[in-house]
Amino acid sequence: MAISDIDFVVAAYREGGHWSASPLPPRAAESLENLIQAIRQFPGEGGNLGFISIHDDTAVIIRVAGNDVRVCMSDATAAEDFTLAAEILDLVGEPHVDDDDEPAIAGDTTLLNDFGISGRDFVSLCEENEFYPDDIFAEIAEKLGCTAAFEHARDESGA
C-alpha cells in the first residue's frame, strides 16, 4: 500500500484517567502488523485506540489491549484497492467484496462498547457521516471526551 494513501494515523490512550493522543507516521500503516505494534507501544489503560484514515473515505479503528486486537473498518470495499484494508478483512474473517458493492462495515462494531459507544451507535455514526473518516472520528472523539487531544494529534500528523 502506498504511504500516500494514508491520510493520518492517530493513537489515543487513557492514562491516569485522562485521554492523550499522538500522531503516528503514515508508514506505521504500511501493514496491519506494523500498525498494531505502533499502537501497542503507548501506556493506555484498558487498551489503546488507533484511528486511521485511508484515502479520505475509509475509517479504521483498532483497539489493542495486550495481545487482544479488535478492529472495525467503515468500508469493506476498500480491500479491493488498499492492502491494509484487505489485511483487516482477513483478520476479522470477512470475505472480500467488490468495489461495485455499497460500502459495508467490517469487523467488530462493539469495540468501543465499554467507552459508551455501542455497536449500533458506531454503525449509525458511519451511516450518518456517509462513511467519511474525519466526520466519524470527530464524533467518536467527542463521545470519548478526547476531541482536543485527537484534533491536535491529527493536525500534527499533517492531515
N, C-alpha and C. Protein backbone atom coordinates (compact mmCIF):
# COMPACT_ATOMS: atom_id res chain seq x y z
N MET A 1 0.85 -1.17 0.00
CA MET A 1 0.00 0.00 0.00
C MET A 1 0.89 1.22 0.00
N ALA A 2 0.54 2.19 -0.80
CA ALA A 2 1.33 3.41 -0.86
C ALA A 2 1.07 4.26 0.39
N ILE A 3 2.14 4.77 0.93
CA ILE A 3 2.01 5.63 2.10
C ILE A 3 1.11 6.82 1.80
N SER A 4 1.11 7.28 0.55
CA SER A 4 0.28 8.43 0.18
C SER A 4 -1.21 8.13 0.30
N ASP A 5 -1.59 6.86 0.40
CA ASP A 5 -3.00 6.50 0.58
C ASP A 5 -3.46 6.69 2.02
N ILE A 6 -2.52 6.84 2.95
CA ILE A 6 -2.85 7.04 4.36
C ILE A 6 -2.92 8.54 4.64
N ASP A 7 -4.09 9.01 5.03
CA ASP A 7 -4.26 10.44 5.34
C ASP A 7 -3.65 10.78 6.69
N PHE A 8 -3.93 9.94 7.68
CA PHE A 8 -3.35 10.13 9.01
C PHE A 8 -3.53 8.88 9.84
N VAL A 9 -2.68 8.77 10.85
CA VAL A 9 -2.76 7.71 11.85
C VAL A 9 -2.60 8.39 13.21
N VAL A 10 -3.57 8.19 14.08
CA VAL A 10 -3.52 8.77 15.42
C VAL A 10 -3.76 7.67 16.44
N ALA A 11 -2.91 7.61 17.45
CA ALA A 11 -3.10 6.69 18.57
C ALA A 11 -3.69 7.48 19.73
N ALA A 12 -4.72 6.93 20.36
CA ALA A 12 -5.34 7.58 21.53
C ALA A 12 -5.34 6.58 22.68
N TYR A 13 -5.09 7.09 23.87
CA TYR A 13 -5.00 6.21 25.03
C TYR A 13 -5.31 6.99 26.30
N ARG A 14 -5.80 6.27 27.31
CA ARG A 14 -6.10 6.86 28.62
C ARG A 14 -4.97 6.53 29.57
N GLU A 15 -4.55 7.57 30.28
CA GLU A 15 -3.50 7.40 31.28
C GLU A 15 -3.85 8.30 32.45
N GLY A 16 -3.94 7.71 33.62
CA GLY A 16 -4.33 8.50 34.79
C GLY A 16 -5.72 9.10 34.67
N GLY A 17 -6.60 8.41 33.92
CA GLY A 17 -7.97 8.87 33.76
C GLY A 17 -8.15 9.96 32.71
N HIS A 18 -7.09 10.34 32.02
CA HIS A 18 -7.16 11.40 31.01
C HIS A 18 -6.73 10.86 29.66
N TRP A 19 -7.38 11.36 28.62
CA TRP A 19 -7.05 10.96 27.26
C TRP A 19 -5.85 11.72 26.75
N SER A 20 -5.01 11.00 26.03
CA SER A 20 -3.89 11.59 25.28
C SER A 20 -3.97 11.03 23.88
N ALA A 21 -3.38 11.74 22.95
CA ALA A 21 -3.35 11.27 21.57
C ALA A 21 -2.02 11.68 20.95
N SER A 22 -1.52 10.82 20.09
CA SER A 22 -0.24 11.07 19.43
C SER A 22 -0.35 10.72 17.96
N PRO A 23 0.23 11.55 17.11
CA PRO A 23 0.24 11.19 15.69
C PRO A 23 1.28 10.10 15.45
N LEU A 24 1.00 9.26 14.51
CA LEU A 24 1.96 8.26 14.07
C LEU A 24 2.26 8.53 12.60
N PRO A 25 3.45 8.18 12.15
CA PRO A 25 3.76 8.41 10.74
C PRO A 25 2.92 7.49 9.85
N PRO A 26 2.55 7.96 8.67
CA PRO A 26 1.76 7.11 7.76
C PRO A 26 2.39 5.75 7.50
N ARG A 27 3.73 5.66 7.54
CA ARG A 27 4.38 4.36 7.29
C ARG A 27 4.02 3.33 8.36
N ALA A 28 3.51 3.79 9.51
CA ALA A 28 3.07 2.85 10.55
C ALA A 28 1.94 1.97 10.02
N ALA A 29 1.22 2.45 9.01
CA ALA A 29 0.09 1.70 8.46
C ALA A 29 0.45 0.96 7.16
N GLU A 30 1.73 0.77 6.92
CA GLU A 30 2.15 0.01 5.74
C GLU A 30 1.67 -1.44 5.81
N SER A 31 1.54 -1.94 7.02
CA SER A 31 0.98 -3.29 7.20
C SER A 31 0.21 -3.29 8.52
N LEU A 32 -0.71 -4.23 8.62
CA LEU A 32 -1.51 -4.34 9.84
C LEU A 32 -0.62 -4.68 11.03
N GLU A 33 0.37 -5.54 10.82
CA GLU A 33 1.29 -5.91 11.90
C GLU A 33 2.05 -4.69 12.42
N ASN A 34 2.58 -3.87 11.52
CA ASN A 34 3.28 -2.64 11.93
C ASN A 34 2.35 -1.72 12.71
N LEU A 35 1.12 -1.60 12.22
CA LEU A 35 0.15 -0.71 12.85
C LEU A 35 -0.17 -1.16 14.27
N ILE A 36 -0.40 -2.43 14.44
CA ILE A 36 -0.70 -2.96 15.77
C ILE A 36 0.47 -2.71 16.72
N GLN A 37 1.69 -2.96 16.27
CA GLN A 37 2.87 -2.72 17.11
C GLN A 37 3.00 -1.24 17.47
N ALA A 38 2.75 -0.36 16.53
CA ALA A 38 2.87 1.08 16.79
C ALA A 38 1.84 1.53 17.82
N ILE A 39 0.63 1.02 17.75
CA ILE A 39 -0.43 1.41 18.69
C ILE A 39 -0.17 0.79 20.06
N ARG A 40 0.36 -0.41 20.09
CA ARG A 40 0.62 -1.13 21.34
C ARG A 40 1.66 -0.42 22.21
N GLN A 41 2.53 0.39 21.65
CA GLN A 41 3.64 1.00 22.39
C GLN A 41 3.20 2.03 23.44
N PHE A 42 1.97 2.48 23.39
CA PHE A 42 1.52 3.52 24.32
C PHE A 42 1.02 2.90 25.62
N PRO A 43 1.06 3.66 26.73
CA PRO A 43 0.75 3.11 28.05
C PRO A 43 -0.72 3.18 28.44
N GLY A 44 -1.62 2.85 27.56
CA GLY A 44 -3.04 3.03 27.81
C GLY A 44 -3.64 2.11 28.85
N GLU A 45 -4.66 2.65 29.53
CA GLU A 45 -5.45 1.87 30.48
C GLU A 45 -6.66 1.32 29.73
N GLY A 46 -6.82 0.02 29.71
CA GLY A 46 -7.97 -0.57 29.03
C GLY A 46 -7.80 -0.70 27.54
N GLY A 47 -6.61 -0.54 27.06
CA GLY A 47 -6.36 -0.69 25.63
C GLY A 47 -6.16 0.64 24.93
N ASN A 48 -5.38 0.60 23.89
CA ASN A 48 -5.10 1.79 23.09
C ASN A 48 -5.94 1.75 21.83
N LEU A 49 -6.27 2.93 21.32
CA LEU A 49 -7.05 3.04 20.10
C LEU A 49 -6.20 3.62 18.99
N GLY A 50 -6.42 3.14 17.80
CA GLY A 50 -5.78 3.70 16.62
C GLY A 50 -6.86 4.16 15.66
N PHE A 51 -6.71 5.38 15.17
CA PHE A 51 -7.64 5.96 14.20
C PHE A 51 -6.87 6.14 12.90
N ILE A 52 -7.30 5.49 11.85
CA ILE A 52 -6.58 5.53 10.58
C ILE A 52 -7.55 5.94 9.49
N SER A 53 -7.16 6.95 8.72
CA SER A 53 -7.95 7.39 7.58
C SER A 53 -7.24 6.95 6.31
N ILE A 54 -7.94 6.18 5.49
CA ILE A 54 -7.38 5.70 4.22
C ILE A 54 -8.06 6.43 3.07
N HIS A 55 -7.28 7.15 2.32
CA HIS A 55 -7.71 7.79 1.07
C HIS A 55 -8.99 8.62 1.24
N ASP A 56 -9.14 9.27 2.36
CA ASP A 56 -10.27 10.14 2.67
C ASP A 56 -11.64 9.47 2.62
N ASP A 57 -11.71 8.14 2.46
CA ASP A 57 -13.03 7.56 2.50
C ASP A 57 -13.18 6.25 3.24
N THR A 58 -12.17 5.83 3.96
CA THR A 58 -12.32 4.64 4.79
C THR A 58 -11.75 4.92 6.17
N ALA A 59 -12.58 4.72 7.17
CA ALA A 59 -12.18 4.90 8.56
C ALA A 59 -11.87 3.53 9.16
N VAL A 60 -10.73 3.46 9.85
CA VAL A 60 -10.35 2.23 10.54
C VAL A 60 -10.11 2.58 12.00
N ILE A 61 -10.69 1.79 12.88
CA ILE A 61 -10.41 1.93 14.31
C ILE A 61 -9.89 0.59 14.79
N ILE A 62 -8.75 0.66 15.47
CA ILE A 62 -8.14 -0.54 16.03
C ILE A 62 -8.03 -0.35 17.53
N ARG A 63 -8.37 -1.39 18.27
CA ARG A 63 -8.19 -1.37 19.71
C ARG A 63 -7.23 -2.48 20.08
N VAL A 64 -6.14 -2.11 20.73
CA VAL A 64 -5.11 -3.06 21.10
C VAL A 64 -4.99 -3.05 22.62
N ALA A 65 -5.21 -4.21 23.24
CA ALA A 65 -5.06 -4.37 24.68
C ALA A 65 -4.25 -5.65 24.89
N GLY A 66 -2.97 -5.48 25.10
CA GLY A 66 -2.09 -6.65 25.21
C GLY A 66 -2.08 -7.41 23.89
N ASN A 67 -2.42 -8.69 23.94
CA ASN A 67 -2.47 -9.50 22.72
C ASN A 67 -3.83 -9.46 22.04
N ASP A 68 -4.81 -8.83 22.68
CA ASP A 68 -6.15 -8.73 22.11
C ASP A 68 -6.20 -7.57 21.12
N VAL A 69 -6.57 -7.88 19.87
CA VAL A 69 -6.68 -6.87 18.83
C VAL A 69 -8.08 -6.93 18.26
N ARG A 70 -8.77 -5.80 18.29
CA ARG A 70 -10.10 -5.69 17.72
C ARG A 70 -10.08 -4.55 16.72
N VAL A 71 -10.77 -4.73 15.62
CA VAL A 71 -10.71 -3.73 14.56
C VAL A 71 -12.06 -3.61 13.87
N CYS A 72 -12.34 -2.40 13.43
CA CYS A 72 -13.55 -2.15 12.66
C CYS A 72 -13.19 -1.16 11.54
N MET A 73 -13.76 -1.40 10.38
CA MET A 73 -13.48 -0.58 9.20
C MET A 73 -14.81 -0.15 8.60
N SER A 74 -14.90 1.12 8.23
CA SER A 74 -16.16 1.68 7.74
C SER A 74 -16.57 1.19 6.36
N ASP A 75 -15.62 0.69 5.57
CA ASP A 75 -15.96 0.31 4.20
C ASP A 75 -15.14 -0.90 3.74
N ALA A 76 -15.78 -2.05 3.74
CA ALA A 76 -15.09 -3.28 3.35
C ALA A 76 -14.67 -3.27 1.88
N THR A 77 -15.32 -2.46 1.05
CA THR A 77 -14.95 -2.42 -0.36
C THR A 77 -13.55 -1.84 -0.57
N ALA A 78 -13.00 -1.17 0.44
CA ALA A 78 -11.66 -0.61 0.34
C ALA A 78 -10.60 -1.69 0.16
N ALA A 79 -10.93 -2.92 0.54
CA ALA A 79 -9.97 -4.03 0.42
C ALA A 79 -9.62 -4.30 -1.03
N GLU A 80 -10.45 -3.88 -1.93
CA GLU A 80 -10.19 -4.05 -3.36
C GLU A 80 -8.98 -3.22 -3.80
N ASP A 81 -8.77 -2.07 -3.15
CA ASP A 81 -7.73 -1.13 -3.57
C ASP A 81 -6.58 -0.94 -2.59
N PHE A 82 -6.78 -1.31 -1.31
CA PHE A 82 -5.78 -0.99 -0.30
C PHE A 82 -5.39 -2.23 0.51
N THR A 83 -4.11 -2.50 0.56
CA THR A 83 -3.58 -3.69 1.22
C THR A 83 -3.98 -3.75 2.69
N LEU A 84 -3.88 -2.61 3.40
CA LEU A 84 -4.23 -2.59 4.82
C LEU A 84 -5.68 -3.03 5.01
N ALA A 85 -6.57 -2.54 4.18
CA ALA A 85 -7.99 -2.92 4.27
C ALA A 85 -8.17 -4.42 4.01
N ALA A 86 -7.43 -4.95 3.05
CA ALA A 86 -7.51 -6.40 2.77
C ALA A 86 -7.01 -7.21 3.96
N GLU A 87 -5.93 -6.75 4.60
CA GLU A 87 -5.39 -7.43 5.78
C GLU A 87 -6.41 -7.41 6.91
N ILE A 88 -7.15 -6.31 7.05
CA ILE A 88 -8.16 -6.20 8.10
C ILE A 88 -9.28 -7.22 7.85
N LEU A 89 -9.75 -7.31 6.60
CA LEU A 89 -10.79 -8.30 6.31
C LEU A 89 -10.31 -9.71 6.62
N ASP A 90 -9.06 -9.99 6.29
CA ASP A 90 -8.51 -11.32 6.61
C ASP A 90 -8.48 -11.55 8.12
N LEU A 91 -8.08 -10.54 8.88
CA LEU A 91 -8.01 -10.67 10.34
C LEU A 91 -9.38 -10.95 10.94
N VAL A 92 -10.40 -10.23 10.47
CA VAL A 92 -11.73 -10.38 11.06
C VAL A 92 -12.53 -11.51 10.41
N GLY A 93 -11.93 -12.16 9.40
CA GLY A 93 -12.57 -13.32 8.79
C GLY A 93 -13.76 -13.00 7.92
N GLU A 94 -13.76 -11.83 7.33
CA GLU A 94 -14.87 -11.46 6.46
C GLU A 94 -14.43 -11.55 5.00
N PRO A 95 -15.36 -11.89 4.11
CA PRO A 95 -15.00 -12.05 2.71
C PRO A 95 -14.68 -10.69 2.05
N HIS A 96 -13.83 -10.75 1.06
CA HIS A 96 -13.53 -9.55 0.27
C HIS A 96 -14.73 -9.30 -0.64
N VAL A 97 -15.12 -8.04 -0.77
CA VAL A 97 -16.26 -7.68 -1.60
C VAL A 97 -15.78 -6.85 -2.78
N ASP A 98 -16.62 -6.75 -3.78
CA ASP A 98 -16.29 -5.97 -4.97
C ASP A 98 -16.40 -4.49 -4.69
N ASP A 99 -15.59 -3.72 -5.40
CA ASP A 99 -15.62 -2.27 -5.29
C ASP A 99 -16.96 -1.71 -5.77
N ASP A 100 -17.71 -2.51 -6.53
CA ASP A 100 -19.02 -2.06 -7.05
C ASP A 100 -20.10 -2.14 -5.99
N ASP A 101 -19.84 -2.87 -4.92
CA ASP A 101 -20.83 -3.02 -3.85
C ASP A 101 -20.96 -1.72 -3.06
N GLU A 102 -22.04 -1.61 -2.33
CA GLU A 102 -22.24 -0.47 -1.43
C GLU A 102 -21.26 -0.58 -0.27
N PRO A 103 -20.85 0.56 0.31
CA PRO A 103 -19.98 0.48 1.49
C PRO A 103 -20.62 -0.38 2.57
N ALA A 104 -19.81 -1.20 3.19
CA ALA A 104 -20.29 -2.08 4.25
C ALA A 104 -19.26 -2.10 5.37
N ILE A 105 -19.73 -1.99 6.58
CA ILE A 105 -18.85 -2.01 7.74
C ILE A 105 -18.34 -3.44 7.95
N ALA A 106 -17.07 -3.54 8.28
CA ALA A 106 -16.45 -4.85 8.52
C ALA A 106 -15.78 -4.84 9.88
N GLY A 107 -15.84 -5.95 10.57
CA GLY A 107 -15.14 -6.07 11.84
C GLY A 107 -16.05 -5.97 13.04
N ASP A 108 -15.45 -5.65 14.16
CA ASP A 108 -16.11 -5.64 15.46
C ASP A 108 -16.68 -4.25 15.77
N THR A 109 -17.96 -4.07 15.50
CA THR A 109 -18.59 -2.76 15.75
C THR A 109 -18.75 -2.48 17.24
N THR A 110 -18.52 -3.47 18.10
CA THR A 110 -18.69 -3.28 19.54
C THR A 110 -17.39 -2.93 20.25
N LEU A 111 -16.31 -2.67 19.52
CA LEU A 111 -15.01 -2.46 20.16
C LEU A 111 -14.97 -1.23 21.06
N LEU A 112 -15.95 -0.34 20.98
CA LEU A 112 -15.98 0.84 21.84
C LEU A 112 -17.12 0.79 22.87
N ASN A 113 -17.76 -0.38 23.02
CA ASN A 113 -18.88 -0.51 23.95
C ASN A 113 -18.56 0.01 25.35
N ASP A 114 -17.43 -0.40 25.90
CA ASP A 114 -17.14 -0.01 27.28
C ASP A 114 -16.71 1.45 27.40
N PHE A 115 -16.62 2.15 26.27
CA PHE A 115 -16.39 3.60 26.29
C PHE A 115 -17.70 4.34 26.06
N GLY A 116 -18.82 3.61 26.02
CA GLY A 116 -20.13 4.24 25.88
C GLY A 116 -20.61 4.38 24.45
N ILE A 117 -19.95 3.72 23.50
CA ILE A 117 -20.38 3.77 22.10
C ILE A 117 -20.73 2.35 21.69
N SER A 118 -22.02 2.07 21.61
CA SER A 118 -22.47 0.71 21.28
C SER A 118 -22.22 0.40 19.80
N GLY A 119 -22.33 -0.87 19.48
CA GLY A 119 -22.19 -1.28 18.08
C GLY A 119 -23.20 -0.59 17.19
N ARG A 120 -24.42 -0.47 17.68
CA ARG A 120 -25.47 0.20 16.91
C ARG A 120 -25.13 1.68 16.72
N ASP A 121 -24.60 2.32 17.78
CA ASP A 121 -24.19 3.73 17.67
C ASP A 121 -23.05 3.88 16.67
N PHE A 122 -22.11 2.94 16.68
CA PHE A 122 -20.98 3.00 15.77
C PHE A 122 -21.47 2.90 14.32
N VAL A 123 -22.36 1.96 14.06
CA VAL A 123 -22.91 1.80 12.71
C VAL A 123 -23.64 3.07 12.29
N SER A 124 -24.43 3.64 13.20
CA SER A 124 -25.16 4.88 12.89
C SER A 124 -24.20 6.02 12.58
N LEU A 125 -23.11 6.13 13.35
CA LEU A 125 -22.12 7.18 13.08
C LEU A 125 -21.56 7.05 11.67
N CYS A 126 -21.25 5.83 11.28
CA CYS A 126 -20.71 5.60 9.94
C CYS A 126 -21.74 5.97 8.87
N GLU A 127 -22.97 5.53 9.06
CA GLU A 127 -24.00 5.79 8.07
C GLU A 127 -24.36 7.27 8.00
N GLU A 128 -24.51 7.92 9.16
CA GLU A 128 -24.88 9.34 9.19
C GLU A 128 -23.79 10.22 8.58
N ASN A 129 -22.56 9.81 8.70
CA ASN A 129 -21.45 10.61 8.18
C ASN A 129 -20.97 10.12 6.81
N GLU A 130 -21.83 9.34 6.16
CA GLU A 130 -21.54 8.83 4.83
C GLU A 130 -20.17 8.16 4.76
N PHE A 131 -19.78 7.56 5.88
CA PHE A 131 -18.57 6.76 5.96
C PHE A 131 -17.28 7.58 5.84
N TYR A 132 -17.33 8.90 5.97
CA TYR A 132 -16.13 9.73 5.88
C TYR A 132 -15.36 9.71 7.19
N PRO A 133 -14.08 9.35 7.15
CA PRO A 133 -13.29 9.19 8.37
C PRO A 133 -13.25 10.43 9.26
N ASP A 134 -13.00 11.61 8.71
CA ASP A 134 -12.90 12.80 9.55
C ASP A 134 -14.14 13.01 10.39
N ASP A 135 -15.30 12.85 9.78
CA ASP A 135 -16.56 13.07 10.49
C ASP A 135 -16.82 11.97 11.52
N ILE A 136 -16.54 10.73 11.15
CA ILE A 136 -16.74 9.61 12.07
C ILE A 136 -15.83 9.78 13.30
N PHE A 137 -14.55 10.06 13.04
CA PHE A 137 -13.60 10.20 14.14
C PHE A 137 -13.92 11.40 15.03
N ALA A 138 -14.37 12.49 14.44
CA ALA A 138 -14.71 13.68 15.23
C ALA A 138 -15.83 13.35 16.22
N GLU A 139 -16.84 12.63 15.76
CA GLU A 139 -17.95 12.27 16.65
C GLU A 139 -17.52 11.28 17.72
N ILE A 140 -16.68 10.32 17.36
CA ILE A 140 -16.19 9.36 18.34
C ILE A 140 -15.34 10.07 19.39
N ALA A 141 -14.43 10.94 18.94
CA ALA A 141 -13.58 11.68 19.87
C ALA A 141 -14.43 12.52 20.83
N GLU A 142 -15.49 13.12 20.32
CA GLU A 142 -16.38 13.92 21.18
C GLU A 142 -17.04 13.03 22.24
N LYS A 143 -17.54 11.87 21.81
CA LYS A 143 -18.19 10.96 22.75
C LYS A 143 -17.22 10.41 23.79
N LEU A 144 -15.95 10.21 23.39
CA LEU A 144 -14.94 9.72 24.32
C LEU A 144 -14.43 10.82 25.25
N GLY A 145 -14.61 12.07 24.84
CA GLY A 145 -14.10 13.19 25.62
C GLY A 145 -12.65 13.52 25.32
N CYS A 146 -12.22 13.22 24.10
CA CYS A 146 -10.83 13.48 23.75
C CYS A 146 -10.70 14.32 22.46
N THR A 147 -11.69 15.16 22.21
CA THR A 147 -11.70 15.94 20.97
C THR A 147 -10.43 16.77 20.80
N ALA A 148 -10.06 17.54 21.81
CA ALA A 148 -8.90 18.43 21.69
C ALA A 148 -7.62 17.63 21.44
N ALA A 149 -7.42 16.56 22.20
CA ALA A 149 -6.21 15.74 22.04
C ALA A 149 -6.18 15.09 20.66
N PHE A 150 -7.33 14.56 20.22
CA PHE A 150 -7.40 13.92 18.92
C PHE A 150 -7.11 14.92 17.80
N GLU A 151 -7.79 16.07 17.84
CA GLU A 151 -7.61 17.06 16.78
C GLU A 151 -6.18 17.58 16.72
N HIS A 152 -5.58 17.78 17.88
CA HIS A 152 -4.18 18.24 17.93
C HIS A 152 -3.26 17.20 17.28
N ALA A 153 -3.45 15.93 17.62
CA ALA A 153 -2.61 14.87 17.05
C ALA A 153 -2.86 14.74 15.55
N ARG A 154 -4.11 14.81 15.14
CA ARG A 154 -4.41 14.73 13.70
C ARG A 154 -3.77 15.88 12.95
N ASP A 155 -3.84 17.09 13.50
CA ASP A 155 -3.23 18.25 12.85
C ASP A 155 -1.71 18.12 12.80
N GLU A 156 -1.11 17.57 13.87
CA GLU A 156 0.34 17.36 13.89
C GLU A 156 0.79 16.33 12.85
N SER A 157 -0.14 15.42 12.50
CA SER A 157 0.21 14.38 11.54
C SER A 157 0.30 14.93 10.13
N GLY A 158 -0.15 16.16 9.95
CA GLY A 158 -0.10 16.77 8.61
C GLY A 158 -1.39 16.61 7.83
N ALA A 159 -2.41 16.05 8.46
CA ALA A 159 -3.69 15.85 7.76
C ALA A 159 -4.39 17.17 7.50
